[in-house]
C-alpha atoms as a PDB file:
ATOM      1  CA  MET A   1       9.378   5.162  -4.848  1.00  0.00           C
ATOM      2  CA  GLU A   2       6.222   6.877  -4.974  1.00  0.00           C
ATOM      3  CA  ARG A   3       4.167   7.897  -1.807  1.00  0.00           C
ATOM      4  CA  ILE A   4       0.190   7.230  -2.110  1.00  0.00           C
ATOM      5  CA  ASP A   5      -2.342   7.847   0.253  1.00  0.00           C
ATOM      6  CA  ILE A   6      -4.488   5.043   0.937  1.00  0.00           C
ATOM      7  CA  ASN A   7      -7.510   6.328   3.194  1.00  0.00           C
ATOM      8  CA  GLY A   8      -5.133   8.342   5.379  1.00  0.00           C
ATOM      9  CA  ARG A   9      -2.387   5.633   5.288  1.00  0.00           C
ATOM     10  CA  ASN A  10       0.785   6.871   3.694  1.00  0.00           C
ATOM     11  CA  VAL A  11       2.248   3.989   1.458  1.00  0.00           C
ATOM     12  CA  ASP A  12       5.578   3.732  -0.590  1.00  0.00           C
ATOM     13  CA  VAL A  13       5.228   2.224  -3.576  1.00  0.00           C
ATOM     14  CA  HIS A  14       7.630   1.113  -6.561  1.00  0.00           C
ATOM     15  CA  ILE A  15       6.153   1.526  -9.707  1.00  0.00           C
ATOM     16  CA  ALA A  16       7.908   0.442 -13.317  1.00  0.00           C
ATOM     17  CA  GLY A  17       6.942  -0.691 -16.595  1.00  0.00           C
ATOM     18  CA  ASN A  18       4.181  -0.955 -19.059  1.00  0.00           C
ATOM     19  CA  GLY A  19       1.541  -3.722 -19.709  1.00  0.00           C
ATOM     20  CA  PRO A  20      -0.763  -5.561 -17.836  1.00  0.00           C
ATOM     21  CA  VAL A  21      -0.861  -4.883 -13.799  1.00  0.00           C
ATOM     22  CA  LEU A  22       1.128  -6.967 -11.510  1.00  0.00           C
ATOM     23  CA  LEU A  23       1.054  -6.177  -7.761  1.00  0.00           C
ATOM     24  CA  PHE A  24       3.809  -7.668  -6.009  1.00  0.00           C
ATOM     25  CA  LEU A  25       3.718  -8.436  -2.200  1.00  0.00           C
ATOM     26  CA  HIS A  26       7.019  -8.406  -0.688  1.00  0.00           C
ATOM     27  CA  PRO A  27       8.362 -10.832   1.949  1.00  0.00           C
ATOM     28  CA  GLU A  28       9.280  -9.964   5.444  1.00  0.00           C
ATOM     29  CA  ASP A  29      12.938  -8.936   4.687  1.00  0.00           C
ATOM     30  CA  TYR A  30      15.077  -8.438   1.930  1.00  0.00           C
ATOM     31  CA  PHE A  31      13.206  -5.933   0.099  1.00  0.00           C
ATOM     32  CA  SER A  32      15.999  -4.176  -1.842  1.00  0.00           C
ATOM     33  CA  HIS A  33      17.047  -7.612  -3.140  1.00  0.00           C
ATOM     34  CA  HIS A  34      14.044  -7.964  -5.331  1.00  0.00           C
ATOM     35  CA  SER A  35      15.357  -5.314  -7.878  1.00  0.00           C
ATOM     36  CA  ALA A  36      16.703  -7.515 -10.572  1.00  0.00           C
ATOM     37  CA  PHE A  37      13.298  -9.651 -10.321  1.00  0.00           C
ATOM     38  CA  LEU A  38      11.118  -6.985 -10.481  1.00  0.00           C
ATOM     39  CA  ASP A  39      13.278  -5.364 -13.553  1.00  0.00           C
ATOM     40  CA  HIS A  40      12.680  -8.801 -15.109  1.00  0.00           C
ATOM     41  CA  LEU A  41       8.827  -8.148 -14.825  1.00  0.00           C
ATOM     42  CA  ALA A  42       8.820  -4.797 -15.658  1.00  0.00           C
ATOM     43  CA  LYS A  43       9.736  -5.935 -19.147  1.00  0.00           C
ATOM     44  CA  ARG A  44       6.119  -7.443 -19.384  1.00  0.00           C
ATOM     45  CA  PHE A  45       4.059  -5.800 -16.878  1.00  0.00           C
ATOM     46  CA  ARG A  46       3.184  -2.592 -15.105  1.00  0.00           C
ATOM     47  CA  VAL A  47       4.771  -3.759 -11.890  1.00  0.00           C
ATOM     48  CA  ILE A  48       3.412  -2.066  -8.340  1.00  0.00           C
ATOM     49  CA  ALA A  49       5.200  -3.136  -5.406  1.00  0.00           C
ATOM     50  CA  PRO A  50       3.955  -1.598  -2.001  1.00  0.00           C
ATOM     51  CA  ARG A  51       6.087  -1.610   1.428  1.00  0.00           C
ATOM     52  CA  HIS A  52       3.580  -3.284   3.997  1.00  0.00           C
ATOM     53  CA  PRO A  53       2.406  -0.995   6.851  1.00  0.00           C
ATOM     54  CA  GLY A  54       5.469  -0.775   9.383  1.00  0.00           C
ATOM     55  CA  PHE A  55       7.902  -1.802   6.643  1.00  0.00           C
ATOM     56  CA  GLY A  56      10.716   0.173   5.248  1.00  0.00           C
ATOM     57  CA  LYS A  57       9.334   3.924   5.468  1.00  0.00           C
ATOM     58  CA  THR A  58       5.630   3.293   5.389  1.00  0.00           C
ATOM     59  CA  ASP A  59       3.800   4.256   8.412  1.00  0.00           C
ATOM     60  CA  LEU A  60       2.435   1.608  10.758  1.00  0.00           C
ATOM     61  CA  PRO A  61      -1.038   2.713  11.400  1.00  0.00           C
ATOM     62  CA  ASP A  62      -2.667   2.529  15.124  1.00  0.00           C
ATOM     63  CA  GLY A  63      -4.687  -0.860  15.511  1.00  0.00           C
ATOM     64  CA  PHE A  64      -2.754  -2.550  12.714  1.00  0.00           C
ATOM     65  CA  ARG A  65      -1.747  -6.006  14.428  1.00  0.00           C
ATOM     66  CA  THR A  66      -2.757  -9.005  11.915  1.00  0.00           C
ATOM     67  CA  ILE A  67      -1.929  -9.910   8.135  1.00  0.00           C
ATOM     68  CA  GLU A  68      -5.729  -9.523   7.890  1.00  0.00           C
ATOM     69  CA  ASP A  69      -5.301  -5.964   8.619  1.00  0.00           C
ATOM     70  CA  ILE A  70      -2.676  -5.577   5.592  1.00  0.00           C
ATOM     71  CA  ALA A  71      -5.061  -7.903   3.655  1.00  0.00           C
ATOM     72  CA  TYR A  72      -7.740  -5.434   3.696  1.00  0.00           C
ATOM     73  CA  HIS A  73      -5.373  -2.411   3.474  1.00  0.00           C
ATOM     74  CA  THR A  74      -4.045  -3.847   0.527  1.00  0.00           C
ATOM     75  CA  LEU A  75      -7.700  -4.727  -1.261  1.00  0.00           C
ATOM     76  CA  ASP A  76      -7.970  -0.683  -0.291  1.00  0.00           C
ATOM     77  CA  LEU A  77      -5.001   0.251  -2.327  1.00  0.00           C
ATOM     78  CA  ILE A  78      -6.441  -1.714  -5.348  1.00  0.00           C
ATOM     79  CA  GLU A  79      -9.495   0.306  -5.329  1.00  0.00           C
ATOM     80  CA  VAL A  80      -7.920   3.712  -4.650  1.00  0.00           C
ATOM     81  CA  MET A  81      -5.282   3.110  -7.615  1.00  0.00           C
ATOM     82  CA  GLY A  82      -8.337   1.828  -9.751  1.00  0.00           C
ATOM     83  CA  LEU A  83      -6.123  -1.742 -10.702  1.00  0.00           C
ATOM     84  CA  LYS A  84      -8.069  -4.416 -12.265  1.00  0.00           C
ATOM     85  CA  ASP A  85      -7.271  -7.531 -13.973  1.00  0.00           C
ATOM     86  CA  ILE A  86      -4.253  -7.883 -11.666  1.00  0.00           C
ATOM     87  CA  THR A  87      -1.726 -10.695 -11.734  1.00  0.00           C
ATOM     88  CA  LEU A  88      -1.218 -10.924  -7.894  1.00  0.00           C
ATOM     89  CA  VAL A  89       2.252 -12.161  -6.635  1.00  0.00           C
ATOM     90  CA  GLY A  90       3.195 -12.696  -2.866  1.00  0.00           C
ATOM     91  CA  ALA A  91       6.270 -14.084  -1.830  1.00  0.00           C
ATOM     92  CA  SER A  92       6.635 -16.006   1.682  1.00  0.00           C
ATOM     93  CA  MET A  93       4.702 -13.223   4.198  1.00  0.00           C
ATOM     94  CA  GLY A  94       3.423 -11.219   1.059  1.00  0.00           C
ATOM     95  CA  GLY A  95       2.269 -14.859  -0.245  1.00  0.00           C
ATOM     96  CA  TRP A  96      -0.162 -14.970   3.250  1.00  0.00           C
ATOM     97  CA  ILE A  97      -1.275 -11.684   2.641  1.00  0.00           C
ATOM     98  CA  ALA A  98      -2.604 -12.679  -0.989  1.00  0.00           C
ATOM     99  CA  THR A  99      -4.015 -15.637   0.082  1.00  0.00           C
ATOM    100  CA  ASP A 100      -6.041 -13.844   2.582  1.00  0.00           C
ATOM    101  CA  MET A 101      -6.993 -11.257   0.139  1.00  0.00           C
ATOM    102  CA  CYS A 102      -8.172 -13.647  -2.417  1.00  0.00           C
ATOM    103  CA  VAL A 103     -10.478 -15.548   0.132  1.00  0.00           C
ATOM    104  CA  LYS A 104     -12.015 -12.127   0.898  1.00  0.00           C
ATOM    105  CA  SER A 105     -12.303 -10.835  -2.669  1.00  0.00           C
ATOM    106  CA  THR A 106     -10.939 -11.800  -6.471  1.00  0.00           C
ATOM    107  CA  HIS A 107     -13.004  -8.949  -7.976  1.00  0.00           C
ATOM    108  CA  ALA A 108     -10.065  -7.069  -9.269  1.00  0.00           C
ATOM    109  CA  ILE A 109      -7.717 -10.003  -9.567  1.00  0.00           C
ATOM    110  CA  ASP A 110      -7.110 -12.220 -12.648  1.00  0.00           C
ATOM    111  CA  ARG A 111      -4.311 -14.813 -11.315  1.00  0.00           C
ATOM    112  CA  LEU A 112      -2.595 -15.773  -8.194  1.00  0.00           C
ATOM    113  CA  VAL A 113       1.231 -16.511  -7.826  1.00  0.00           C
ATOM    114  CA  LEU A 114       2.402 -17.740  -4.882  1.00  0.00           C
ATOM    115  CA  ILE A 115       6.023 -18.000  -4.044  1.00  0.00           C
ATOM    116  CA  SER A 116       7.317 -19.939  -1.071  1.00  0.00           C
ATOM    117  CA  ALA A 117       4.169 -18.883   0.700  1.00  0.00           C
ATOM    118  CA  VAL A 118       3.812 -18.901   4.724  1.00  0.00           C
ATOM    119  CA  GLY A 119      -0.062 -18.652   6.091  1.00  0.00           C
ATOM    120  CA  VAL A 120      -1.231 -22.285   5.734  1.00  0.00           C
ATOM    121  CA  LYS A 121      -0.402 -24.840   8.071  1.00  0.00           C
ATOM    122  CA  PHE A 122      -0.916 -28.661   6.809  1.00  0.00           C
ATOM    123  CA  GLY A 123       0.843 -30.483   9.234  1.00  0.00           C
ATOM    124  CA  GLY A 124      -0.675 -31.453  12.909  1.00  0.00           C
ATOM    125  CA  ARG A 125      -0.099 -29.763  16.254  1.00  0.00           C
ATOM    126  CA  GLU A 126       3.196 -31.197  16.692  1.00  0.00           C
ATOM    127  CA  ASP A 127       4.490 -30.968  13.047  1.00  0.00           C
ATOM    128  CA  ARG A 128       7.084 -28.020  11.761  1.00  0.00           C
ATOM    129  CA  ASP A 129       5.455 -26.497   8.722  1.00  0.00           C
ATOM    130  CA  PHE A 130       7.723 -23.394   9.266  1.00  0.00           C
ATOM    131  CA  ALA A 131      11.129 -23.379  11.145  1.00  0.00           C
ATOM    132  CA  ASP A 132      11.450 -21.313  14.357  1.00  0.00           C
ATOM    133  CA  ILE A 133      13.806 -18.666  12.806  1.00  0.00           C
ATOM    134  CA  TYR A 134      13.866 -16.589  16.040  1.00  0.00           C
ATOM    135  CA  ALA A 135      15.030 -19.712  18.036  1.00  0.00           C
ATOM    136  CA  THR A 136      17.597 -20.748  15.238  1.00  0.00           C
ATOM    137  CA  PRO A 137      21.270 -19.407  15.038  1.00  0.00           C
ATOM    138  CA  ALA A 138      21.526 -16.848  12.540  1.00  0.00           C
ATOM    139  CA  GLN A 139      24.380 -19.041  10.491  1.00  0.00           C
ATOM    140  CA  ASP A 140      21.491 -21.661  10.169  1.00  0.00           C
ATOM    141  CA  VAL A 141      18.755 -19.502   9.126  1.00  0.00           C
ATOM    142  CA  VAL A 142      20.953 -18.141   6.567  1.00  0.00           C
ATOM    143  CA  ARG A 143      21.372 -21.843   4.899  1.00  0.00           C
ATOM    144  CA  MET A 144      17.583 -22.342   5.316  1.00  0.00           C
ATOM    145  CA  MET A 145      16.708 -19.150   3.491  1.00  0.00           C
ATOM    146  CA  PHE A 146      19.377 -19.485   0.643  1.00  0.00           C
ATOM    147  CA  TYR A 147      20.719 -21.978  -1.777  1.00  0.00           C
ATOM    148  CA  ASP A 148      23.954 -20.077  -1.976  1.00  0.00           C
ATOM    149  CA  PRO A 149      24.219 -17.644   0.739  1.00  0.00           C
ATOM    150  CA  ALA A 150      28.074 -16.528   0.002  1.00  0.00           C
ATOM    151  CA  ARG A 151      26.311 -14.938  -3.462  1.00  0.00           C
ATOM    152  CA  TYR A 152      22.961 -13.331  -2.100  1.00  0.00           C
ATOM    153  CA  LEU A 153      23.293 -12.523   1.476  1.00  0.00           C
ATOM    154  CA  PRO A 154      23.234  -9.020   1.865  1.00  0.00           C
ATOM    155  CA  ASP A 155      26.614  -7.511   3.150  1.00  0.00           C
ATOM    156  CA  TYR A 156      25.097  -5.444   6.135  1.00  0.00           C
ATOM    157  CA  SER A 157      28.925  -3.823   6.627  1.00  0.00           C
ATOM    158  CA  GLN A 158      28.360  -1.983   3.354  1.00  0.00           C
ATOM    159  CA  ILE A 159      24.800  -0.426   4.177  1.00  0.00           C
ATOM    160  CA  ASP A 160      24.251   3.230   5.527  1.00  0.00           C
ATOM    161  CA  ASP A 161      22.398   3.922   8.593  1.00  0.00           C
ATOM    162  CA  ALA A 162      19.000   4.674   6.603  1.00  0.00           C
ATOM    163  CA  ALA A 163      19.148   1.262   5.262  1.00  0.00           C
ATOM    164  CA  ALA A 164      19.975  -0.232   8.192  1.00  0.00           C
ATOM    165  CA  LEU A 165      17.004   1.295   9.867  1.00  0.00           C
ATOM    166  CA  GLU A 166      14.635   0.232   7.247  1.00  0.00           C
ATOM    167  CA  ILE A 167      15.779  -3.383   7.862  1.00  0.00           C
ATOM    168  CA  ALA A 168      15.541  -2.920  11.523  1.00  0.00           C
ATOM    169  CA  ARG A 169      11.664  -1.941  11.035  1.00  0.00           C
ATOM    170  CA  ASP A 170      11.256  -4.778   8.759  1.00  0.00           C
ATOM    171  CA  ARG A 171      12.046  -7.443  11.299  1.00  0.00           C
ATOM    172  CA  GLN A 172      10.250  -5.377  14.063  1.00  0.00           C
ATOM    173  CA  SER A 173       7.249  -5.549  11.879  1.00  0.00           C
ATOM    174  CA  SER A 174       7.573  -9.103  10.991  1.00  0.00           C
ATOM    175  CA  GLY A 175       7.730 -10.387  14.523  1.00  0.00           C
ATOM    176  CA  LEU A 176       4.452  -8.140  14.944  1.00  0.00           C
ATOM    177  CA  PHE A 177       2.561  -9.652  12.159  1.00  0.00           C
ATOM    178  CA  LEU A 178       4.003 -13.398  12.159  1.00  0.00           C
ATOM    179  CA  TRP A 179       4.573 -14.287  15.540  1.00  0.00           C
ATOM    180  CA  LYS A 180       1.310 -15.418  17.276  1.00  0.00           C
ATOM    181  CA  PRO A 181       0.303 -17.883  15.979  1.00  0.00           C
ATOM    182  CA  PHE A 182       3.672 -18.463  14.198  1.00  0.00           C
ATOM    183  CA  MET A 183       3.695 -17.827  10.522  1.00  0.00           C
ATOM    184  CA  HIS A 184      -0.015 -19.260   9.802  1.00  0.00           C
ATOM    185  CA  ASN A 185      -3.608 -18.567  10.406  1.00  0.00           C
ATOM    186  CA  PRO A 186      -5.281 -21.772  11.372  1.00  0.00           C
ATOM    187  CA  ALA A 187      -8.439 -20.473  10.247  1.00  0.00           C
ATOM    188  CA  LEU A 188      -7.123 -19.994   6.581  1.00  0.00           C
ATOM    189  CA  ARG A 189      -7.027 -23.176   5.272  1.00  0.00           C
ATOM    190  CA  LYS A 190     -10.662 -24.151   5.330  1.00  0.00           C
ATOM    191  CA  TRP A 191     -11.456 -20.997   3.275  1.00  0.00           C
ATOM    192  CA  LEU A 192      -8.876 -21.841   0.368  1.00  0.00           C
ATOM    193  CA  HIS A 193     -12.030 -22.980  -1.762  1.00  0.00           C
ATOM    194  CA  ARG A 194     -13.096 -19.370  -2.224  1.00  0.00           C
ATOM    195  CA  ILE A 195     -10.114 -18.410  -4.134  1.00  0.00           C
ATOM    196  CA  ASP A 196     -11.595 -19.046  -7.524  1.00  0.00           C
ATOM    197  CA  VAL A 197      -8.891 -17.587  -9.951  1.00  0.00           C
ATOM    198  CA  PRO A 198      -5.929 -19.747 -11.667  1.00  0.00           C
ATOM    199  CA  ALA A 199      -2.972 -20.043  -9.497  1.00  0.00           C
ATOM    200  CA  LEU A 200       0.535 -20.778  -9.601  1.00  0.00           C
ATOM    201  CA  VAL A 201       2.511 -22.142  -6.548  1.00  0.00           C
ATOM    202  CA  ILE A 202       6.056 -21.736  -6.790  1.00  0.00           C
ATOM    203  CA  GLY A 203       8.913 -23.053  -4.218  1.00  0.00           C
ATOM    204  CA  GLY A 204      12.349 -23.468  -4.007  1.00  0.00           C
ATOM    205  CA  ALA A 205      14.077 -26.756  -4.057  1.00  0.00           C
ATOM    206  CA  ALA A 206      16.336 -26.378  -1.367  1.00  0.00           C
ATOM    207  CA  ASP A 207      14.222 -24.349   0.953  1.00  0.00           C
ATOM    208  CA  GLY A 208      15.063 -25.288   4.332  1.00  0.00           C
ATOM    209  CA  PHE A 209      12.542 -23.163   6.053  1.00  0.00           C
ATOM    210  CA  ILE A 210       9.123 -24.379   4.926  1.00  0.00           C
ATOM    211  CA  ALA A 211       8.510 -27.947   5.208  1.00  0.00           C
ATOM    212  CA  PRO A 212       9.099 -30.383   1.978  1.00  0.00           C
ATOM    213  CA  GLY A 213       6.216 -30.650  -0.185  1.00  0.00           C
ATOM    214  CA  HIS A 214       4.381 -27.827   1.043  1.00  0.00           C
ATOM    215  CA  ALA A 215       4.020 -25.877  -2.012  1.00  0.00           C
ATOM    216  CA  GLU A 216       2.566 -29.368  -3.519  1.00  0.00           C
ATOM    217  CA  LYS A 217       0.257 -29.297  -0.605  1.00  0.00           C
ATOM    218  CA  LEU A 218      -0.877 -25.849  -0.858  1.00  0.00           C
ATOM    219  CA  ALA A 219      -1.493 -26.297  -4.936  1.00  0.00           C
ATOM    220  CA  ARG A 220      -3.784 -29.040  -4.337  1.00  0.00           C
ATOM    221  CA  ALA A 221      -5.719 -27.299  -1.632  1.00  0.00           C
ATOM    222  CA  LEU A 222      -6.777 -24.236  -4.208  1.00  0.00           C
ATOM    223  CA  PRO A 223      -9.442 -25.152  -6.753  1.00  0.00           C
ATOM    224  CA  ARG A 224      -7.366 -24.019  -9.849  1.00  0.00           C
ATOM    225  CA  ALA A 225      -3.644 -24.140  -9.039  1.00  0.00           C
ATOM    226  CA  ASP A 226      -0.602 -26.059 -10.257  1.00  0.00           C
ATOM    227  CA  ALA A 227       2.932 -26.302  -8.602  1.00  0.00           C
ATOM    228  CA  LYS A 228       6.495 -25.269  -9.868  1.00  0.00           C
ATOM    229  CA  ILE A 229       9.600 -26.123  -7.920  1.00  0.00           C
ATOM    230  CA  ILE A 230      12.666 -24.091  -8.658  1.00  0.00           C
ATOM    231  CA  ALA A 231      15.929 -25.830  -8.730  1.00  0.00           C
ATOM    232  CA  GLY A 232      18.859 -24.155  -7.158  1.00  0.00           C
ATOM    233  CA  ALA A 233      16.938 -22.079  -5.085  1.00  0.00           C
ATOM    234  CA  ALA A 234      15.856 -22.034  -1.463  1.00  0.00           C
ATOM    235  CA  HIS A 235      13.202 -19.719   0.188  1.00  0.00           C
ATOM    236  CA  TYR A 236      13.805 -16.808  -1.995  1.00  0.00           C
ATOM    237  CA  PRO A 237      13.796 -18.108  -5.759  1.00  0.00           C
ATOM    238  CA  GLN A 238      12.928 -15.016  -6.846  1.00  0.00           C
ATOM    239  CA  ILE A 239      16.052 -13.756  -5.901  1.00  0.00           C
ATOM    240  CA  GLU A 240      18.276 -16.795  -6.216  1.00  0.00           C
ATOM    241  CA  CYS A 241      16.645 -17.346  -9.719  1.00  0.00           C
ATOM    242  CA  ALA A 242      15.185 -14.133 -10.657  1.00  0.00           C
ATOM    243  CA  ASP A 243      14.945 -14.904 -14.436  1.00  0.00           C
ATOM    244  CA  ALA A 244      13.475 -18.262 -13.934  1.00  0.00           C
ATOM    245  CA  VAL A 245      10.727 -17.054 -11.726  1.00  0.00           C
ATOM    246  CA  ALA A 246      10.002 -14.021 -13.790  1.00  0.00           C
ATOM    247  CA  ALA A 247       9.604 -16.444 -16.877  1.00  0.00           C
ATOM    248  CA  ALA A 248       7.283 -18.737 -15.174  1.00  0.00           C
ATOM    249  CA  ILE A 249       4.866 -16.014 -13.898  1.00  0.00           C
ATOM    250  CA  THR A 250       5.048 -14.121 -17.504  1.00  0.00           C
ATOM    251  CA  ALA A 251       3.927 -17.867 -19.137  1.00  0.00           C
ATOM    252  CA  PHE A 252       1.496 -18.263 -16.359  1.00  0.00           C
ATOM    253  CA  ALA A 253      -0.120 -14.862 -16.857  1.00  0.00           C
ATOM    254  CA  GLN A 254      -0.159 -15.253 -20.729  1.00  0.00           C
ATOM    255  CA  SER A 255      -1.596 -18.868 -20.618  1.00  0.00           C
END
């Protein structure tokens, strides 16, 4: 991790590899379990993976309350770091942030990849696009999120206090940014036409958290997008099928 000052905000950033720039925006939890995925990407890209404000050891600035705040913050990061021709990859909550960023500006962004992205709701008022994980028993949440929980679920008994504190901060900040309205911005859908770069929408075939067909609907709502569904994965295909997702992103970025 490197610590970077973004207009007075301290941000921890993972940087690895060489090649075209790939900016990865992590989901709401399990950041440490992306190491294999980021290692795959670092073979072809210069991978830049910042911690969101309030997550891990990154400070939560005063006044930060919405995903839009993080989107503007990340656009600032792009400017401060002088990044351009970016392949922007966002997973779950990170996908919402990436979508919001691209609605605002694609000046430095060449391509967009959304993995199990939340943020856009397609169902009606009474339809469930995203499961309420805060009102669901923990063992059921695990089965929603992982195709093979026994293999990929973190063993919290083996982590030290510092790692446990980071996980607690991740979950606290997730609640702050994702709770109301739950997992989406009602206004975001109508601005998707502004995303004028090629996009790839990736979903897990066994995702129990996001409603079936959401990835395909999101791809159809974007001007220049395709959908790819990964077998043998649930909500975190980049963790459960790291090599397949990395290969799909690489092929998309090089096409």
